[in-house]
Amino acid sequence: LGAGSRSPDRPLGVEAQAVVALCRERPRPVVEIAGIVRQSVLVTKIVISDLLDSGALVIALSADIEPNHPNVLEAVLVGLRNRFGDAKSA
């Protein structure tokens, strides 16, 4: 995860501020963020989800990942299905 370019629409809580500050330094995995802010991975994922929705965070791909690689596309598809499971398939 990396810091986004947009400011959040509302003031951030302490945990959210810490997450954004960490991601400004460099992209970080969720488990590392959870460990540093001393929250469970579940709580951290909820905070991150809100920050992603607001544009304060973005998903950063590492330089060695090919965006069109089938494994990456499959991971994106799984993530979309998990998040929007009620959406109809085309």
Protein backbone atom coordinates (compact mmCIF):
# COMPACT_ATOMS: atom_id res chain seq x y z
CA LEU A 1 0.00 0.00 0.00
CA GLY A 2 1.15 3.51 -0.72
CA ALA A 3 -0.06 6.99 0.16
CA GLY A 4 -2.65 8.38 -2.24
CA SER A 5 -2.78 11.86 -3.69
CA ARG A 6 -6.18 12.83 -2.27
CA SER A 7 -6.89 14.16 1.19
CA PRO A 8 -9.62 12.32 3.09
CA ASP A 9 -13.09 13.87 3.21
CA ARG A 10 -13.17 13.84 7.01
CA PRO A 11 -10.62 14.04 9.83
CA LEU A 12 -8.65 10.83 10.35
CA GLY A 13 -8.47 8.89 13.58
CA VAL A 14 -5.17 8.13 15.27
CA GLU A 15 -4.81 4.69 13.64
CA ALA A 16 -5.66 6.03 10.18
CA GLN A 17 -3.15 8.88 10.54
CA ALA A 18 -0.46 6.38 11.52
CA VAL A 19 -1.25 4.14 8.53
CA VAL A 20 -1.07 7.03 6.06
CA ALA A 21 2.20 8.26 7.60
CA LEU A 22 3.73 4.78 7.30
CA CYS A 23 2.67 4.45 3.67
CA ARG A 24 4.14 7.87 2.82
CA GLU A 25 7.58 6.53 3.78
CA ARG A 26 7.35 3.57 1.38
CA PRO A 27 4.80 1.00 0.21
CA ARG A 28 4.08 -1.56 2.95
CA PRO A 29 2.18 -4.85 3.27
CA VAL A 30 -0.90 -5.00 5.49
CA VAL A 31 0.70 -7.30 8.07
CA GLU A 32 3.64 -4.94 8.53
CA ILE A 33 1.30 -1.99 9.04
CA ALA A 34 -0.75 -3.99 11.57
CA GLY A 35 2.38 -4.86 13.53
CA ILE A 36 3.66 -1.31 13.64
CA VAL A 37 0.33 0.26 14.68
CA ARG A 38 -0.26 -2.61 17.14
CA GLN A 39 -3.69 -3.54 15.83
CA SER A 40 -5.05 -6.84 14.63
CA VAL A 41 -4.86 -7.51 10.90
CA LEU A 42 -8.68 -7.41 10.77
CA VAL A 43 -8.89 -3.95 12.36
CA THR A 44 -6.04 -2.73 10.16
CA LYS A 45 -7.78 -4.01 7.02
CA ILE A 46 -10.94 -2.09 7.98
CA VAL A 47 -8.95 1.12 8.48
CA ILE A 48 -7.12 0.53 5.19
CA SER A 49 -10.39 -0.13 3.35
CA ASP A 50 -11.76 3.23 4.49
CA LEU A 51 -8.52 4.95 3.46
CA LEU A 52 -8.58 3.27 0.04
CA ASP A 53 -12.19 4.38 -0.48
CA SER A 54 -11.27 7.96 0.40
CA GLY A 55 -8.21 8.00 -1.89
CA ALA A 56 -5.81 8.59 1.00
CA LEU A 57 -4.16 5.23 0.19
CA VAL A 58 -3.58 3.41 -3.08
CA ILE A 59 -2.55 -0.13 -3.89
CA ALA A 60 1.06 -0.04 -5.05
CA LEU A 61 2.43 -2.80 -7.25
CA SER A 62 6.10 -3.62 -6.82
CA ALA A 63 8.36 -2.93 -9.80
CA ASP A 64 8.91 -6.62 -10.53
CA ILE A 65 5.21 -7.46 -10.96
CA GLU A 66 3.81 -7.57 -14.48
CA PRO A 67 0.31 -6.02 -14.28
CA ASN A 68 -1.06 -8.26 -17.05
CA HIS A 69 0.36 -11.51 -15.67
CA PRO A 70 -2.41 -14.12 -15.24
CA ASN A 71 -1.62 -14.55 -11.53
CA VAL A 72 -1.98 -10.82 -10.89
CA LEU A 73 -5.23 -10.67 -12.87
CA GLU A 74 -6.57 -13.68 -10.96
CA ALA A 75 -5.68 -12.02 -7.63
CA VAL A 76 -7.50 -8.85 -8.71
CA LEU A 77 -10.53 -10.88 -9.76
CA VAL A 78 -10.59 -12.70 -6.41
CA GLY A 79 -10.31 -9.38 -4.58
CA LEU A 80 -13.18 -7.90 -6.56
CA ARG A 81 -15.34 -10.95 -5.95
CA ASN A 82 -14.59 -10.78 -2.23
CA ARG A 83 -15.44 -7.10 -2.07
CA PHE A 84 -18.40 -7.08 -4.46
CA GLY A 85 -19.64 -10.65 -4.13
CA ASP A 86 -23.22 -9.66 -4.82
CA ALA A 87 -22.38 -8.27 -8.30
CA LYS A 88 -23.63 -10.26 -11.28
CA SER A 89 -21.16 -11.84 -13.72
CA ALA A 90 -21.26 -10.68 -17.34
